[in-house]
All heavy atoms as atom14 arrays in JSON, in Angstrom:
{
  "sequence": "GARRNSRSIRASDADTLEDASVLGDARLIEAPYFDEPWPPMRFEKR",
  "atom14_mask": [
    [1, 1, 1, 1, 0, 0, 0, 0, 0, 0, 0, 0, 0, 0],
    [1, 1, 1, 1, 1, 0, 0, 0, 0, 0, 0, 0, 0, 0],
    [1, 1, 1, 1, 1, 1, 1, 1, 1, 1, 1, 0, 0, 0],
    [1, 1, 1, 1, 1, 1, 1, 1, 1, 1, 1, 0, 0, 0],
    [1, 1, 1, 1, 1, 1, 1, 1, 0, 0, 0, 0, 0, 0],
    [1, 1, 1, 1, 1, 1, 0, 0, 0, 0, 0, 0, 0, 0],
    [1, 1, 1, 1, 1, 1, 1, 1, 1, 1, 1, 0, 0, 0],
    [1, 1, 1, 1, 1, 1, 0, 0, 0, 0, 0, 0, 0, 0],
    [1, 1, 1, 1, 1, 1, 1, 1, 0, 0, 0, 0, 0, 0],
    [1, 1, 1, 1, 1, 1, 1, 1, 1, 1, 1, 0, 0, 0],
    [1, 1, 1, 1, 1, 0, 0, 0, 0, 0, 0, 0, 0, 0],
    [1, 1, 1, 1, 1, 1, 0, 0, 0, 0, 0, 0, 0, 0],
    [1, 1, 1, 1, 1, 1, 1, 1, 0, 0, 0, 0, 0, 0],
    [1, 1, 1, 1, 1, 0, 0, 0, 0, 0, 0, 0, 0, 0],
    [1, 1, 1, 1, 1, 1, 1, 1, 0, 0, 0, 0, 0, 0],
    [1, 1, 1, 1, 1, 1, 1, 0, 0, 0, 0, 0, 0, 0],
    [1, 1, 1, 1, 1, 1, 1, 1, 0, 0, 0, 0, 0, 0],
    [1, 1, 1, 1, 1, 1, 1, 1, 1, 0, 0, 0, 0, 0],
    [1, 1, 1, 1, 1, 1, 1, 1, 0, 0, 0, 0, 0, 0],
    [1, 1, 1, 1, 1, 0, 0, 0, 0, 0, 0, 0, 0, 0],
    [1, 1, 1, 1, 1, 1, 0, 0, 0, 0, 0, 0, 0, 0],
    [1, 1, 1, 1, 1, 1, 1, 0, 0, 0, 0, 0, 0, 0],
    [1, 1, 1, 1, 1, 1, 1, 1, 0, 0, 0, 0, 0, 0],
    [1, 1, 1, 1, 0, 0, 0, 0, 0, 0, 0, 0, 0, 0],
    [1, 1, 1, 1, 1, 1, 1, 1, 0, 0, 0, 0, 0, 0],
    [1, 1, 1, 1, 1, 0, 0, 0, 0, 0, 0, 0, 0, 0],
    [1, 1, 1, 1, 1, 1, 1, 1, 1, 1, 1, 0, 0, 0],
    [1, 1, 1, 1, 1, 1, 1, 1, 0, 0, 0, 0, 0, 0],
    [1, 1, 1, 1, 1, 1, 1, 1, 0, 0, 0, 0, 0, 0],
    [1, 1, 1, 1, 1, 1, 1, 1, 1, 0, 0, 0, 0, 0],
    [1, 1, 1, 1, 1, 0, 0, 0, 0, 0, 0, 0, 0, 0],
    [1, 1, 1, 1, 1, 1, 1, 0, 0, 0, 0, 0, 0, 0],
    [1, 1, 1, 1, 1, 1, 1, 1, 1, 1, 1, 1, 0, 0],
    [1, 1, 1, 1, 1, 1, 1, 1, 1, 1, 1, 0, 0, 0],
    [1, 1, 1, 1, 1, 1, 1, 1, 0, 0, 0, 0, 0, 0],
    [1, 1, 1, 1, 1, 1, 1, 1, 1, 0, 0, 0, 0, 0],
    [1, 1, 1, 1, 1, 1, 1, 0, 0, 0, 0, 0, 0, 0],
    [1, 1, 1, 1, 1, 1, 1, 1, 1, 1, 1, 1, 1, 1],
    [1, 1, 1, 1, 1, 1, 1, 0, 0, 0, 0, 0, 0, 0],
    [1, 1, 1, 1, 1, 1, 1, 0, 0, 0, 0, 0, 0, 0],
    [1, 1, 1, 1, 1, 1, 1, 1, 0, 0, 0, 0, 0, 0],
    [1, 1, 1, 1, 1, 1, 1, 1, 1, 1, 1, 0, 0, 0],
    [1, 1, 1, 1, 1, 1, 1, 1, 1, 1, 1, 0, 0, 0],
    [1, 1, 1, 1, 1, 1, 1, 1, 1, 0, 0, 0, 0, 0],
    [1, 1, 1, 1, 1, 1, 1, 1, 1, 0, 0, 0, 0, 0],
    [1, 1, 1, 1, 1, 1, 1, 1, 1, 1, 1, 0, 0, 0]
  ],
  "atom14_positions": [
    [[-60.39, -95.07, 144.45], [-60.88, -93.82, 143.95], [-59.88, -93.14, 143.03], [-58.76, -93.63, 142.83], [0.0, 0.0, 0.0], [0.0, 0.0, 0.0], [0.0, 0.0, 0.0], [0.0, 0.0, 0.0], [0.0, 0.0, 0.0], [0.0, 0.0, 0.0], [0.0, 0.0, 0.0], [0.0, 0.0, 0.0], [0.0, 0.0, 0.0], [0.0, 0.0, 0.0]],
    [[-60.29, -92.02, 142.44], [-59.45, -91.26, 141.5], [-59.31, -89.83, 141.97], [-60.24, -89.26, 142.57], [-60.07, -91.3, 140.11], [0.0, 0.0, 0.0], [0.0, 0.0, 0.0], [0.0, 0.0, 0.0], [0.0, 0.0, 0.0], [0.0, 0.0, 0.0], [0.0, 0.0, 0.0], [0.0, 0.0, 0.0], [0.0, 0.0, 0.0], [0.0, 0.0, 0.0]],
    [[-58.15, -89.24, 141.68], [-57.89, -87.88, 142.11], [-57.19, -87.09, 141.01], [-56.49, -87.66, 140.18], [-56.98, -87.88, 143.38], [-57.59, -88.59, 144.55], [-56.71, -88.54, 145.78], [-55.37, -89.12, 145.61], [-55.13, -90.43, 145.59], [-56.13, -91.29, 145.69], [-53.91, -90.86, 145.44], [0.0, 0.0, 0.0], [0.0, 0.0, 0.0], [0.0, 0.0, 0.0]],
    [[-57.42, -85.79, 141.01], [-56.67, -84.87, 140.18], [-56.02, -83.85, 141.1], [-56.7, -83.19, 141.88], [-57.59, -84.14, 139.2], [-56.84, -83.11, 138.31], [-57.76, -82.39, 137.37], [-58.77, -81.63, 138.09], [-59.92, -81.21, 137.56], [-60.2, -81.48, 136.3], [-60.78, -80.54, 138.28], [0.0, 0.0, 0.0], [0.0, 0.0, 0.0], [0.0, 0.0, 0.0]],
    [[-54.7, -83.77, 141.0], [-53.94, -82.85, 141.88], [-54.39, -82.97, 143.32], [-54.67, -81.99, 144.02], [-54.09, -81.4, 141.38], [-53.49, -81.19, 140.0], [-52.91, -82.1, 139.42], [-53.66, -80.0, 139.46], [0.0, 0.0, 0.0], [0.0, 0.0, 0.0], [0.0, 0.0, 0.0], [0.0, 0.0, 0.0], [0.0, 0.0, 0.0], [0.0, 0.0, 0.0]],
    [[-54.49, -84.24, 143.77], [-54.8, -84.61, 145.16], [-56.25, -84.45, 145.58], [-56.6, -84.75, 146.71], [-53.9, -83.84, 146.15], [-52.55, -84.07, 145.88], [0.0, 0.0, 0.0], [0.0, 0.0, 0.0], [0.0, 0.0, 0.0], [0.0, 0.0, 0.0], [0.0, 0.0, 0.0], [0.0, 0.0, 0.0], [0.0, 0.0, 0.0], [0.0, 0.0, 0.0]],
    [[-57.12, -84.0, 144.68], [-58.54, -83.84, 145.01], [-59.37, -84.9, 144.3], [-59.16, -85.18, 143.12], [-59.03, -82.44, 144.65], [-58.18, -81.33, 145.27], [-58.75, -79.98, 145.02], [-59.88, -79.7, 145.92], [-60.4, -78.48, 146.11], [-59.9, -77.44, 145.46], [-61.43, -78.32, 146.91], [0.0, 0.0, 0.0], [0.0, 0.0, 0.0], [0.0, 0.0, 0.0]],
    [[-60.34, -85.46, 145.0], [-61.17, -86.52, 144.42], [-61.95, -85.99, 143.23], [-62.38, -84.82, 143.21], [-62.16, -87.07, 145.47], [-61.47, -87.74, 146.48], [0.0, 0.0, 0.0], [0.0, 0.0, 0.0], [0.0, 0.0, 0.0], [0.0, 0.0, 0.0], [0.0, 0.0, 0.0], [0.0, 0.0, 0.0], [0.0, 0.0, 0.0], [0.0, 0.0, 0.0]],
    [[-62.15, -86.85, 142.25], [-62.92, -86.49, 141.06], [-64.03, -87.5, 140.84], [-63.93, -88.66, 141.28], [-62.04, -86.39, 139.8], [-61.23, -87.68, 139.58], [-61.13, -85.17, 139.86], [-60.42, -87.7, 138.3], [0.0, 0.0, 0.0], [0.0, 0.0, 0.0], [0.0, 0.0, 0.0], [0.0, 0.0, 0.0], [0.0, 0.0, 0.0], [0.0, 0.0, 0.0]],
    [[-65.08, -87.06, 140.17], [-66.22, -87.94, 139.86], [-66.68, -87.66, 138.43], [-66.67, -86.51, 137.96], [-67.4, -87.68, 140.8], [-67.19, -88.1, 142.22], [-66.98, -89.58, 142.36], [-68.14, -90.38, 141.94], [-68.12, -91.72, 141.82], [-67.02, -92.39, 142.05], [-69.2, -92.35, 141.46], [0.0, 0.0, 0.0], [0.0, 0.0, 0.0], [0.0, 0.0, 0.0]],
    [[-67.11, -88.72, 137.76], [-67.7, -88.58, 136.43], [-69.02, -87.81, 136.53], [-69.63, -87.69, 137.6], [-67.95, -89.96, 135.83], [0.0, 0.0, 0.0], [0.0, 0.0, 0.0], [0.0, 0.0, 0.0], [0.0, 0.0, 0.0], [0.0, 0.0, 0.0], [0.0, 0.0, 0.0], [0.0, 0.0, 0.0], [0.0, 0.0, 0.0], [0.0, 0.0, 0.0]],
    [[-69.45, -87.29, 135.4], [-70.67, -86.47, 135.39], [-71.9, -87.31, 135.7], [-71.92, -88.53, 135.52], [-70.82, -85.75, 134.03], [-71.7, -86.41, 133.19], [0.0, 0.0, 0.0], [0.0, 0.0, 0.0], [0.0, 0.0, 0.0], [0.0, 0.0, 0.0], [0.0, 0.0, 0.0], [0.0, 0.0, 0.0], [0.0, 0.0, 0.0], [0.0, 0.0, 0.0]],
    [[-72.96, -86.63, 136.12], [-74.24, -87.31, 136.4], [-75.21, -87.09, 135.26], [-76.43, -87.23, 135.43], [-74.83, -86.85, 137.73], [-75.07, -85.35, 137.8], [-74.82, -84.66, 136.76], [-75.51, -84.86, 138.84], [0.0, 0.0, 0.0], [0.0, 0.0, 0.0], [0.0, 0.0, 0.0], [0.0, 0.0, 0.0], [0.0, 0.0, 0.0], [0.0, 0.0, 0.0]],
    [[-74.7, -86.76, 134.07], [-75.57, -86.57, 132.9], [-76.41, -87.82, 132.68], [-75.93, -88.95, 132.78], [-74.72, -86.28, 131.67], [0.0, 0.0, 0.0], [0.0, 0.0, 0.0], [0.0, 0.0, 0.0], [0.0, 0.0, 0.0], [0.0, 0.0, 0.0], [0.0, 0.0, 0.0], [0.0, 0.0, 0.0], [0.0, 0.0, 0.0], [0.0, 0.0, 0.0]],
    [[-77.7, -87.64, 132.37], [-78.59, -88.79, 132.18], [-79.32, -88.74, 130.84], [-80.26, -89.51, 130.62], [-79.57, -88.92, 133.33], [-80.45, -87.67, 133.49], [-80.34, -86.74, 132.66], [-81.21, -87.62, 134.46], [0.0, 0.0, 0.0], [0.0, 0.0, 0.0], [0.0, 0.0, 0.0], [0.0, 0.0, 0.0], [0.0, 0.0, 0.0], [0.0, 0.0, 0.0]],
    [[-78.88, -87.84, 129.95], [-79.45, -87.82, 128.6], [-78.34, -87.47, 127.62], [-77.46, -86.66, 127.92], [-80.6, -86.79, 128.49], [-81.04, -86.74, 127.14], [-80.16, -85.4, 128.93], [0.0, 0.0, 0.0], [0.0, 0.0, 0.0], [0.0, 0.0, 0.0], [0.0, 0.0, 0.0], [0.0, 0.0, 0.0], [0.0, 0.0, 0.0], [0.0, 0.0, 0.0]],
    [[-78.42, -88.09, 126.44], [-77.42, -87.78, 125.42], [-77.65, -86.41, 124.78], [-76.72, -85.8, 124.24], [-77.44, -88.85, 124.32], [-76.81, -90.19, 124.67], [-77.0, -91.19, 123.53], [-75.31, -90.02, 124.97], [0.0, 0.0, 0.0], [0.0, 0.0, 0.0], [0.0, 0.0, 0.0], [0.0, 0.0, 0.0], [0.0, 0.0, 0.0], [0.0, 0.0, 0.0]],
    [[-78.88, -85.93, 124.83], [-79.16, -84.62, 124.24], [-78.32, -83.54, 124.93], [-78.34, -83.41, 126.14], [-80.63, -84.28, 124.34], [-80.99, -83.03, 123.6], [-82.48, -82.94, 123.29], [-83.25, -83.79, 123.71], [-82.85, -81.96, 122.6], [0.0, 0.0, 0.0], [0.0, 0.0, 0.0], [0.0, 0.0, 0.0], [0.0, 0.0, 0.0], [0.0, 0.0, 0.0]],
    [[-77.53, -82.85, 124.12], [-76.67, -81.78, 124.59], [-75.5, -82.29, 125.44], [-74.83, -81.49, 126.12], [-77.44, -80.69, 125.35], [-76.69, -79.37, 125.38], [-76.11, -79.0, 124.33], [-76.66, -78.72, 126.44], [0.0, 0.0, 0.0], [0.0, 0.0, 0.0], [0.0, 0.0, 0.0], [0.0, 0.0, 0.0], [0.0, 0.0, 0.0], [0.0, 0.0, 0.0]],
    [[-75.23, -83.58, 125.41], [-74.09, -84.12, 126.14], [-72.79, -83.59, 125.52], [-72.7, -83.36, 124.32], [-74.1, -85.63, 126.13], [0.0, 0.0, 0.0], [0.0, 0.0, 0.0], [0.0, 0.0, 0.0], [0.0, 0.0, 0.0], [0.0, 0.0, 0.0], [0.0, 0.0, 0.0], [0.0, 0.0, 0.0], [0.0, 0.0, 0.0], [0.0, 0.0, 0.0]],
    [[-71.78, -83.41, 126.37], [-70.47, -82.96, 125.88], [-69.61, -84.21, 125.64], [-69.39, -85.02, 126.54], [-69.81, -82.03, 126.89], [-69.69, -82.66, 128.15], [0.0, 0.0, 0.0], [0.0, 0.0, 0.0], [0.0, 0.0, 0.0], [0.0, 0.0, 0.0], [0.0, 0.0, 0.0], [0.0, 0.0, 0.0], [0.0, 0.0, 0.0], [0.0, 0.0, 0.0]],
    [[-69.14, -84.36, 124.41], [-68.47, -85.58, 123.98], [-67.12, -85.25, 123.36], [-67.0, -84.36, 122.51], [-69.33, -86.34, 122.95], [-68.63, -87.61, 122.48], [-70.7, -86.66, 123.53], [0.0, 0.0, 0.0], [0.0, 0.0, 0.0], [0.0, 0.0, 0.0], [0.0, 0.0, 0.0], [0.0, 0.0, 0.0], [0.0, 0.0, 0.0], [0.0, 0.0, 0.0]],
    [[-66.09, -86.0, 123.77], [-64.79, -85.9, 123.16], [-64.69, -86.93, 122.05], [-64.79, -88.14, 122.32], [-63.7, -86.11, 124.2], [-63.52, -84.95, 125.18], [-62.72, -85.38, 126.38], [-62.85, -83.76, 124.49], [0.0, 0.0, 0.0], [0.0, 0.0, 0.0], [0.0, 0.0, 0.0], [0.0, 0.0, 0.0], [0.0, 0.0, 0.0], [0.0, 0.0, 0.0]],
    [[-64.53, -86.48, 120.82], [-64.47, -87.39, 119.69], [-64.77, -86.62, 118.4], [-65.01, -85.42, 118.42], [0.0, 0.0, 0.0], [0.0, 0.0, 0.0], [0.0, 0.0, 0.0], [0.0, 0.0, 0.0], [0.0, 0.0, 0.0], [0.0, 0.0, 0.0], [0.0, 0.0, 0.0], [0.0, 0.0, 0.0], [0.0, 0.0, 0.0], [0.0, 0.0, 0.0]],
    [[-64.77, -87.37, 117.32], [-65.02, -86.77, 116.0], [-66.52, -86.78, 115.74], [-67.15, -87.85, 115.74], [-64.29, -87.6, 114.94], [-64.33, -86.95, 113.56], [-65.26, -86.16, 113.29], [-63.44, -87.28, 112.75], [0.0, 0.0, 0.0], [0.0, 0.0, 0.0], [0.0, 0.0, 0.0], [0.0, 0.0, 0.0], [0.0, 0.0, 0.0], [0.0, 0.0, 0.0]],
    [[-67.1, -85.63, 115.5], [-68.55, -85.53, 115.28], [-69.01, -86.39, 114.1], [-70.17, -86.81, 114.05], [-68.94, -84.08, 115.06], [0.0, 0.0, 0.0], [0.0, 0.0, 0.0], [0.0, 0.0, 0.0], [0.0, 0.0, 0.0], [0.0, 0.0, 0.0], [0.0, 0.0, 0.0], [0.0, 0.0, 0.0], [0.0, 0.0, 0.0], [0.0, 0.0, 0.0]],
    [[-68.09, -86.69, 113.17], [-68.49, -87.46, 112.0], [-68.76, -88.93, 112.31], [-69.39, -89.62, 111.51], [-67.39, -87.37, 110.93], [-67.22, -85.97, 110.32], [-66.0, -85.88, 109.46], [-64.79, -86.13, 110.22], [-63.56, -86.13, 109.7], [-63.39, -85.9, 108.41], [-62.5, -86.36, 110.46], [0.0, 0.0, 0.0], [0.0, 0.0, 0.0], [0.0, 0.0, 0.0]],
    [[-68.3, -89.38, 113.49], [-68.45, -90.81, 113.77], [-69.91, -91.24, 113.91], [-70.25, -92.39, 113.7], [-67.63, -91.24, 114.99], [-67.99, -90.74, 116.39], [-69.09, -91.57, 117.03], [-66.75, -90.78, 117.29], [0.0, 0.0, 0.0], [0.0, 0.0, 0.0], [0.0, 0.0, 0.0], [0.0, 0.0, 0.0], [0.0, 0.0, 0.0], [0.0, 0.0, 0.0]],
    [[-70.8, -90.31, 114.26], [-72.21, -90.66, 114.4], [-72.97, -90.5, 113.1], [-74.2, -90.69, 113.05], [-72.9, -89.88, 115.53], [-72.92, -88.38, 115.23], [-72.22, -90.18, 116.87], [-73.79, -87.59, 116.19], [0.0, 0.0, 0.0], [0.0, 0.0, 0.0], [0.0, 0.0, 0.0], [0.0, 0.0, 0.0], [0.0, 0.0, 0.0], [0.0, 0.0, 0.0]],
    [[-72.26, -90.17, 112.01], [-72.91, -90.03, 110.71], [-72.83, -91.32, 109.89], [-73.34, -91.38, 108.77], [-72.25, -88.89, 109.92], [-72.44, -87.53, 110.58], [-71.59, -86.46, 109.94], [-70.9, -86.77, 108.93], [-71.61, -85.31, 110.43], [0.0, 0.0, 0.0], [0.0, 0.0, 0.0], [0.0, 0.0, 0.0], [0.0, 0.0, 0.0], [0.0, 0.0, 0.0]],
    [[-72.18, -92.36, 110.43], [-72.05, -93.63, 109.7], [-73.43, -94.24, 109.47], [-74.39, -93.93, 110.19], [-71.17, -94.58, 110.51], [0.0, 0.0, 0.0], [0.0, 0.0, 0.0], [0.0, 0.0, 0.0], [0.0, 0.0, 0.0], [0.0, 0.0, 0.0], [0.0, 0.0, 0.0], [0.0, 0.0, 0.0], [0.0, 0.0, 0.0], [0.0, 0.0, 0.0]],
    [[-73.54, -95.14, 108.47], [-74.87, -95.68, 108.12], [-75.36, -96.81, 109.03], [-76.42, -97.36, 108.78], [-74.63, -96.21, 106.7], [-73.19, -96.58, 106.67], [-72.5, -95.58, 107.53], [0.0, 0.0, 0.0], [0.0, 0.0, 0.0], [0.0, 0.0, 0.0], [0.0, 0.0, 0.0], [0.0, 0.0, 0.0], [0.0, 0.0, 0.0], [0.0, 0.0, 0.0]],
    [[-74.61, -97.13, 110.08], [-74.95, -98.3, 110.89], [-76.08, -98.06, 111.88], [-76.65, -99.02, 112.41], [-73.73, -98.74, 111.71], [-72.47, -98.98, 110.92], [-71.38, -98.16, 111.07], [-72.39, -100.05, 110.02], [-70.2, -98.39, 110.36], [-71.23, -100.28, 109.32], [-70.15, -99.45, 109.49], [-69.0, -99.66, 108.78], [0.0, 0.0, 0.0], [0.0, 0.0, 0.0]],
    [[-76.4, -96.83, 112.19], [-77.2, -96.55, 113.36], [-78.7, -96.59, 113.03], [-79.2, -95.79, 112.27], [-76.82, -95.19, 113.95], [-75.37, -95.07, 114.29], [-74.55, -94.2, 113.61], [-74.82, -95.83, 115.3], [-73.2, -94.09, 113.9], [-73.48, -95.75, 115.61], [-72.66, -94.87, 114.91], [0.0, 0.0, 0.0], [0.0, 0.0, 0.0], [0.0, 0.0, 0.0]],
    [[-79.41, -97.55, 113.66], [-80.87, -97.63, 113.52], [-81.54, -96.5, 114.3], [-82.55, -95.95, 113.88], [-81.4, -98.96, 114.06], [-80.89, -100.15, 113.27], [-80.51, -99.93, 112.1], [-80.85, -101.25, 113.81], [0.0, 0.0, 0.0], [0.0, 0.0, 0.0], [0.0, 0.0, 0.0], [0.0, 0.0, 0.0], [0.0, 0.0, 0.0], [0.0, 0.0, 0.0]],
    [[-80.98, -96.23, 115.46], [-81.57, -95.23, 116.36], [-80.84, -93.92, 116.19], [-79.6, -93.88, 116.31], [-81.44, -95.75, 117.81], [-82.15, -94.89, 118.82], [-82.12, -95.51, 120.21], [-81.63, -96.65, 120.34], [-82.57, -94.84, 121.16], [0.0, 0.0, 0.0], [0.0, 0.0, 0.0], [0.0, 0.0, 0.0], [0.0, 0.0, 0.0], [0.0, 0.0, 0.0]],
    [[-81.51, -92.84, 115.9], [-80.81, -91.59, 115.65], [-80.13, -91.06, 116.92], [-80.57, -91.34, 118.03], [-81.91, -90.64, 115.17], [-83.17, -91.22, 115.71], [-82.97, -92.71, 115.74], [0.0, 0.0, 0.0], [0.0, 0.0, 0.0], [0.0, 0.0, 0.0], [0.0, 0.0, 0.0], [0.0, 0.0, 0.0], [0.0, 0.0, 0.0], [0.0, 0.0, 0.0]],
    [[-79.09, -90.3, 116.71], [-78.41, -89.62, 117.82], [-79.01, -88.23, 118.01], [-79.25, -87.53, 117.03], [-76.91, -89.48, 117.51], [-76.17, -90.77, 117.43], [-76.07, -91.59, 116.35], [-75.4, -91.38, 118.47], [-75.29, -92.68, 116.63], [-74.86, -92.57, 117.94], [-75.11, -91.04, 119.8], [-74.05, -93.42, 118.69], [-74.31, -91.89, 120.53], [-73.77, -93.06, 119.98]],
    [[-79.22, -87.85, 119.24], [-79.69, -86.46, 119.49], [-78.53, -85.48, 119.28], [-77.37, -85.9, 119.16], [-80.12, -86.49, 120.94], [-79.25, -87.53, 121.56], [-79.04, -88.58, 120.51], [0.0, 0.0, 0.0], [0.0, 0.0, 0.0], [0.0, 0.0, 0.0], [0.0, 0.0, 0.0], [0.0, 0.0, 0.0], [0.0, 0.0, 0.0], [0.0, 0.0, 0.0]],
    [[-78.82, -84.2, 119.22], [-77.73, -83.23, 119.11], [-76.8, -83.32, 120.33], [-77.26, -83.35, 121.47], [-78.46, -81.88, 119.08], [-79.86, -82.21, 118.67], [-80.14, -83.56, 119.21], [0.0, 0.0, 0.0], [0.0, 0.0, 0.0], [0.0, 0.0, 0.0], [0.0, 0.0, 0.0], [0.0, 0.0, 0.0], [0.0, 0.0, 0.0], [0.0, 0.0, 0.0]],
    [[-75.5, -83.39, 120.05], [-74.5, -83.43, 121.13], [-73.4, -82.43, 120.81], [-73.23, -82.04, 119.65], [-73.91, -84.85, 121.25], [-74.96, -85.89, 121.64], [-74.26, -87.57, 121.85], [-73.82, -87.99, 120.18], [0.0, 0.0, 0.0], [0.0, 0.0, 0.0], [0.0, 0.0, 0.0], [0.0, 0.0, 0.0], [0.0, 0.0, 0.0], [0.0, 0.0, 0.0]],
    [[-72.66, -82.04, 121.82], [-71.57, -81.07, 121.64], [-70.24, -81.81, 121.58], [-69.8, -82.37, 122.58], [-71.58, -80.06, 122.81], [-72.8, -79.15, 122.79], [-72.84, -78.24, 124.02], [-73.21, -78.98, 125.23], [-72.47, -79.04, 126.33], [-71.31, -78.42, 126.4], [-72.91, -79.72, 127.39], [0.0, 0.0, 0.0], [0.0, 0.0, 0.0], [0.0, 0.0, 0.0]],
    [[-69.62, -81.81, 120.43], [-68.36, -82.53, 120.23], [-67.18, -81.57, 120.34], [-67.21, -80.46, 119.83], [-68.33, -83.2, 118.85], [-69.09, -84.48, 118.78], [-70.46, -84.47, 118.47], [-68.48, -85.69, 119.02], [-71.16, -85.67, 118.41], [-69.18, -86.88, 118.96], [-70.53, -86.88, 118.65], [0.0, 0.0, 0.0], [0.0, 0.0, 0.0], [0.0, 0.0, 0.0]],
    [[-66.14, -82.05, 121.0], [-64.86, -81.33, 121.04], [-63.74, -82.33, 120.83], [-63.93, -83.54, 120.97], [-64.67, -80.59, 122.37], [-65.6, -79.4, 122.55], [-65.2, -78.55, 123.73], [-63.98, -78.42, 124.02], [-66.11, -78.01, 124.39], [0.0, 0.0, 0.0], [0.0, 0.0, 0.0], [0.0, 0.0, 0.0], [0.0, 0.0, 0.0], [0.0, 0.0, 0.0]],
    [[-62.55, -81.82, 120.51], [-61.39, -82.69, 120.28], [-60.28, -82.35, 121.27], [-60.1, -81.19, 121.65], [-60.86, -82.52, 118.85], [-61.84, -83.01, 117.79], [-61.23, -82.91, 116.4], [-62.2, -83.44, 115.35], [-61.63, -83.36, 113.98], [0.0, 0.0, 0.0], [0.0, 0.0, 0.0], [0.0, 0.0, 0.0], [0.0, 0.0, 0.0], [0.0, 0.0, 0.0]],
    [[-59.59, -83.38, 121.68], [-58.33, -83.25, 122.43], [-57.39, -84.31, 121.83], [-57.81, -85.44, 121.56], [-58.52, -83.51, 123.93], [-59.42, -82.54, 124.64], [-58.79, -81.17, 124.78], [-59.63, -80.28, 125.57], [-60.6, -79.51, 125.11], [-60.91, -79.54, 123.81], [-61.27, -78.72, 125.9], [0.0, 0.0, 0.0], [0.0, 0.0, 0.0], [0.0, 0.0, 0.0]]
  ]
}
């Protein structure tokens, strides 16, 4: 298992990309490769 400051952590149970919170560059989904469109997502950077 995984812990943060001694407490167990779990990944999110999100089941749709729409409105998903994503760490990365929002421009990466604008490339011409994608046959299937991406829904609106919330991008942030760290």
